[in-house]
Amino acid sequence: MRFEFKPSFGRSLKHLHPREQTGVRVAADKLIDFYTTGEKTLGLGIDHLRGPFWEARAGLRVRLLYRWQKDLIEFVLAGSHDDVRRFLKHLG
């Protein structure tokens, strides 16, 4: 499995509070561990949204949006439910 952090992920991370940024980094590490080892950490909260897009919980308000295609997981966005919804809406 390969993992890639898209530029959009880095840009979205900058808009979050430092405490939320830390939560996103921890959640990304847990997600990578899950897809590498197969052992799911409590509280990660992975949900399939549509097509290749999935989200994972990074706190009460913050979600990680990622795209899973074959052997590649691309971290696309870190933000609120509304940020994720807006991003997916613009895709069509």
N, C-alpha and C. Protein backbone atom coordinates (compact mmCIF):
# COMPACT_ATOMS: atom_id res chain seq x y z
N MET A 1 0.85 -1.18 0.00
CA MET A 1 0.00 0.00 0.00
C MET A 1 0.89 1.24 0.00
N ARG A 2 0.54 2.19 -0.85
CA ARG A 2 1.27 3.47 -0.91
C ARG A 2 0.38 4.59 -0.35
N PHE A 3 1.01 5.59 0.23
CA PHE A 3 0.30 6.71 0.82
C PHE A 3 0.88 8.01 0.28
N GLU A 4 -0.01 8.95 -0.04
CA GLU A 4 0.44 10.23 -0.60
C GLU A 4 -0.39 11.35 0.02
N PHE A 5 0.28 12.43 0.38
CA PHE A 5 -0.40 13.60 0.90
C PHE A 5 -0.44 14.64 -0.21
N LYS A 6 -1.65 14.95 -0.69
CA LYS A 6 -1.84 15.91 -1.77
C LYS A 6 -1.60 17.33 -1.26
N PRO A 7 -1.21 18.27 -2.15
CA PRO A 7 -1.03 19.67 -1.73
C PRO A 7 -2.30 20.25 -1.10
N SER A 8 -3.47 19.85 -1.57
CA SER A 8 -4.72 20.35 -1.00
C SER A 8 -4.85 19.96 0.48
N PHE A 9 -4.29 18.82 0.86
CA PHE A 9 -4.32 18.38 2.25
C PHE A 9 -3.49 19.33 3.11
N GLY A 10 -2.30 19.66 2.65
CA GLY A 10 -1.44 20.60 3.38
C GLY A 10 -2.06 21.97 3.52
N ARG A 11 -2.69 22.44 2.44
CA ARG A 11 -3.35 23.75 2.49
C ARG A 11 -4.50 23.75 3.48
N SER A 12 -5.30 22.69 3.48
CA SER A 12 -6.44 22.63 4.39
C SER A 12 -5.98 22.52 5.84
N LEU A 13 -4.88 21.86 6.07
CA LEU A 13 -4.35 21.69 7.42
C LEU A 13 -3.96 23.03 8.03
N LYS A 14 -3.47 23.94 7.21
CA LYS A 14 -3.04 25.26 7.70
C LYS A 14 -4.21 26.09 8.25
N HIS A 15 -5.44 25.78 7.84
CA HIS A 15 -6.61 26.53 8.28
C HIS A 15 -7.16 26.05 9.62
N LEU A 16 -6.58 25.00 10.15
CA LEU A 16 -7.06 24.43 11.41
C LEU A 16 -6.26 24.96 12.60
N HIS A 17 -6.88 24.92 13.76
CA HIS A 17 -6.22 25.29 15.02
C HIS A 17 -5.06 24.30 15.25
N PRO A 18 -3.95 24.75 15.86
CA PRO A 18 -2.82 23.84 16.10
C PRO A 18 -3.20 22.53 16.80
N ARG A 19 -4.15 22.60 17.74
CA ARG A 19 -4.59 21.38 18.43
C ARG A 19 -5.27 20.43 17.45
N GLU A 20 -6.07 21.00 16.53
CA GLU A 20 -6.74 20.18 15.51
C GLU A 20 -5.73 19.61 14.52
N GLN A 21 -4.70 20.39 14.20
CA GLN A 21 -3.64 19.91 13.30
C GLN A 21 -2.96 18.68 13.89
N THR A 22 -2.71 18.73 15.19
CA THR A 22 -2.10 17.58 15.87
C THR A 22 -3.02 16.37 15.79
N GLY A 23 -4.32 16.58 16.01
CA GLY A 23 -5.28 15.49 15.91
C GLY A 23 -5.33 14.88 14.52
N VAL A 24 -5.20 15.72 13.50
CA VAL A 24 -5.19 15.24 12.11
C VAL A 24 -3.95 14.38 11.86
N ARG A 25 -2.81 14.84 12.34
CA ARG A 25 -1.58 14.07 12.14
C ARG A 25 -1.65 12.71 12.84
N VAL A 26 -2.19 12.70 14.04
CA VAL A 26 -2.34 11.44 14.79
C VAL A 26 -3.30 10.51 14.05
N ALA A 27 -4.43 11.06 13.57
CA ALA A 27 -5.40 10.24 12.84
C ALA A 27 -4.81 9.70 11.55
N ALA A 28 -4.02 10.52 10.84
CA ALA A 28 -3.37 10.05 9.60
C ALA A 28 -2.41 8.90 9.91
N ASP A 29 -1.66 9.03 10.99
CA ASP A 29 -0.75 7.95 11.39
C ASP A 29 -1.52 6.67 11.72
N LYS A 30 -2.64 6.82 12.45
CA LYS A 30 -3.46 5.65 12.80
C LYS A 30 -4.05 5.01 11.56
N LEU A 31 -4.46 5.84 10.60
CA LEU A 31 -5.03 5.33 9.36
C LEU A 31 -4.00 4.56 8.55
N ILE A 32 -2.80 5.10 8.48
CA ILE A 32 -1.71 4.41 7.79
C ILE A 32 -1.40 3.08 8.47
N ASP A 33 -1.35 3.10 9.81
CA ASP A 33 -1.13 1.85 10.56
C ASP A 33 -2.23 0.83 10.27
N PHE A 34 -3.48 1.30 10.21
CA PHE A 34 -4.60 0.40 9.94
C PHE A 34 -4.46 -0.27 8.58
N TYR A 35 -4.16 0.51 7.56
CA TYR A 35 -4.05 -0.07 6.22
C TYR A 35 -2.77 -0.88 6.04
N THR A 36 -1.78 -0.67 6.90
CA THR A 36 -0.53 -1.43 6.83
C THR A 36 -0.65 -2.74 7.60
N THR A 37 -1.22 -2.68 8.82
CA THR A 37 -1.26 -3.86 9.69
C THR A 37 -2.61 -4.57 9.71
N GLY A 38 -3.69 -3.83 9.39
CA GLY A 38 -5.03 -4.40 9.45
C GLY A 38 -5.67 -4.28 10.82
N GLU A 39 -4.97 -3.66 11.79
CA GLU A 39 -5.50 -3.50 13.14
C GLU A 39 -6.09 -2.10 13.29
N LYS A 40 -7.41 -2.03 13.50
CA LYS A 40 -8.10 -0.75 13.62
C LYS A 40 -8.03 -0.21 15.04
N THR A 41 -7.69 1.06 15.16
CA THR A 41 -7.63 1.74 16.44
C THR A 41 -9.02 2.25 16.80
N LEU A 42 -9.40 2.14 18.06
CA LEU A 42 -10.68 2.67 18.51
C LEU A 42 -10.76 4.17 18.26
N GLY A 43 -11.92 4.63 17.82
CA GLY A 43 -12.12 6.05 17.63
C GLY A 43 -11.75 6.58 16.27
N LEU A 44 -11.19 5.75 15.40
CA LEU A 44 -10.78 6.22 14.08
C LEU A 44 -11.98 6.55 13.22
N GLY A 45 -13.04 5.79 13.30
CA GLY A 45 -14.29 6.09 12.61
C GLY A 45 -14.14 6.25 11.11
N ILE A 46 -13.93 5.18 10.40
CA ILE A 46 -13.77 5.21 8.95
C ILE A 46 -15.13 5.02 8.29
N ASP A 47 -15.46 5.89 7.33
CA ASP A 47 -16.73 5.79 6.60
C ASP A 47 -16.48 5.95 5.11
N HIS A 48 -17.18 5.12 4.32
CA HIS A 48 -17.14 5.26 2.87
C HIS A 48 -18.15 6.33 2.48
N LEU A 49 -17.73 7.31 1.67
CA LEU A 49 -18.62 8.39 1.28
C LEU A 49 -19.24 8.12 -0.08
N ARG A 50 -18.42 8.15 -1.13
CA ARG A 50 -18.90 7.82 -2.48
C ARG A 50 -17.71 7.58 -3.37
N GLY A 51 -17.90 6.70 -4.33
CA GLY A 51 -16.80 6.38 -5.24
C GLY A 51 -15.57 5.98 -4.47
N PRO A 52 -14.42 6.56 -4.83
CA PRO A 52 -13.17 6.20 -4.14
C PRO A 52 -12.92 7.00 -2.87
N PHE A 53 -13.88 7.84 -2.45
CA PHE A 53 -13.66 8.75 -1.32
C PHE A 53 -14.14 8.16 -0.01
N TRP A 54 -13.30 8.31 1.00
CA TRP A 54 -13.55 7.84 2.36
C TRP A 54 -13.20 8.96 3.32
N GLU A 55 -13.71 8.87 4.54
CA GLU A 55 -13.32 9.82 5.58
C GLU A 55 -13.00 9.07 6.86
N ALA A 56 -12.14 9.69 7.66
CA ALA A 56 -11.79 9.17 8.97
C ALA A 56 -11.91 10.30 9.98
N ARG A 57 -12.30 9.97 11.19
CA ARG A 57 -12.47 10.95 12.25
C ARG A 57 -11.12 11.36 12.82
N ALA A 58 -10.91 12.68 12.94
CA ALA A 58 -9.68 13.20 13.54
C ALA A 58 -10.00 14.06 14.76
N GLY A 59 -11.19 13.92 15.29
CA GLY A 59 -11.64 14.70 16.43
C GLY A 59 -13.14 14.86 16.33
N LEU A 60 -13.72 15.63 17.25
CA LEU A 60 -15.17 15.81 17.23
C LEU A 60 -15.63 16.56 15.99
N ARG A 61 -14.87 17.57 15.58
CA ARG A 61 -15.28 18.41 14.46
C ARG A 61 -14.50 18.17 13.17
N VAL A 62 -13.39 17.50 13.24
CA VAL A 62 -12.47 17.44 12.10
C VAL A 62 -12.45 16.04 11.48
N ARG A 63 -12.45 16.03 10.16
CA ARG A 63 -12.40 14.78 9.40
C ARG A 63 -11.24 14.81 8.42
N LEU A 64 -10.74 13.64 8.10
CA LEU A 64 -9.74 13.45 7.05
C LEU A 64 -10.47 12.89 5.83
N LEU A 65 -10.34 13.51 4.70
CA LEU A 65 -10.91 12.98 3.47
C LEU A 65 -9.78 12.36 2.68
N TYR A 66 -9.98 11.12 2.27
CA TYR A 66 -8.94 10.47 1.47
C TYR A 66 -9.57 9.69 0.33
N ARG A 67 -8.77 9.49 -0.71
CA ARG A 67 -9.20 8.74 -1.89
C ARG A 67 -8.41 7.44 -1.91
N TRP A 68 -9.13 6.32 -2.03
CA TRP A 68 -8.51 5.00 -2.02
C TRP A 68 -8.72 4.37 -3.39
N GLN A 69 -7.63 4.19 -4.12
CA GLN A 69 -7.68 3.58 -5.44
C GLN A 69 -6.59 2.53 -5.53
N LYS A 70 -7.01 1.28 -5.70
CA LYS A 70 -6.10 0.13 -5.80
C LYS A 70 -5.14 0.09 -4.63
N ASP A 71 -3.84 0.34 -4.87
CA ASP A 71 -2.85 0.27 -3.79
C ASP A 71 -2.37 1.64 -3.34
N LEU A 72 -3.16 2.70 -3.64
CA LEU A 72 -2.77 4.06 -3.30
C LEU A 72 -3.86 4.74 -2.47
N ILE A 73 -3.46 5.31 -1.35
CA ILE A 73 -4.35 6.15 -0.55
C ILE A 73 -3.78 7.55 -0.60
N GLU A 74 -4.63 8.49 -1.08
CA GLU A 74 -4.24 9.89 -1.19
C GLU A 74 -5.02 10.70 -0.17
N PHE A 75 -4.32 11.35 0.75
CA PHE A 75 -4.96 12.24 1.71
C PHE A 75 -5.24 13.54 0.98
N VAL A 76 -6.52 13.92 0.93
CA VAL A 76 -6.96 15.03 0.08
C VAL A 76 -7.30 16.28 0.88
N LEU A 77 -7.96 16.12 2.04
CA LEU A 77 -8.47 17.28 2.76
C LEU A 77 -8.58 16.98 4.25
N ALA A 78 -8.38 18.00 5.06
CA ALA A 78 -8.64 17.93 6.49
C ALA A 78 -9.56 19.09 6.81
N GLY A 79 -10.72 18.80 7.40
CA GLY A 79 -11.65 19.88 7.70
C GLY A 79 -12.92 19.36 8.34
N SER A 80 -13.91 20.23 8.40
CA SER A 80 -15.19 19.90 9.02
C SER A 80 -16.05 19.08 8.07
N HIS A 81 -17.20 18.64 8.57
CA HIS A 81 -18.16 17.93 7.72
C HIS A 81 -18.55 18.81 6.53
N ASP A 82 -18.76 20.10 6.80
CA ASP A 82 -19.15 21.02 5.72
C ASP A 82 -18.04 21.16 4.69
N ASP A 83 -16.79 21.21 5.12
CA ASP A 83 -15.66 21.28 4.18
C ASP A 83 -15.62 20.05 3.28
N VAL A 84 -15.83 18.88 3.87
CA VAL A 84 -15.83 17.64 3.10
C VAL A 84 -16.99 17.64 2.11
N ARG A 85 -18.17 18.03 2.57
CA ARG A 85 -19.35 18.07 1.71
C ARG A 85 -19.14 19.03 0.54
N ARG A 86 -18.59 20.22 0.82
CA ARG A 86 -18.31 21.20 -0.24
C ARG A 86 -17.33 20.66 -1.26
N PHE A 87 -16.28 20.01 -0.78
CA PHE A 87 -15.27 19.45 -1.68
C PHE A 87 -15.89 18.42 -2.62
N LEU A 88 -16.67 17.51 -2.07
CA LEU A 88 -17.29 16.48 -2.88
C LEU A 88 -18.33 17.05 -3.85
N LYS A 89 -19.03 18.10 -3.43
CA LYS A 89 -20.03 18.74 -4.29
C LYS A 89 -19.37 19.35 -5.51
N HIS A 90 -18.20 19.93 -5.33
CA HIS A 90 -17.48 20.56 -6.47
C HIS A 90 -16.93 19.53 -7.46
N LEU A 91 -16.83 18.28 -7.03
CA LEU A 91 -16.36 17.23 -7.94
C LEU A 91 -17.46 16.83 -8.93
N GLY A 92 -18.69 17.07 -8.54
CA GLY A 92 -19.81 16.75 -9.45
C GLY A 92 -20.67 15.66 -9.02
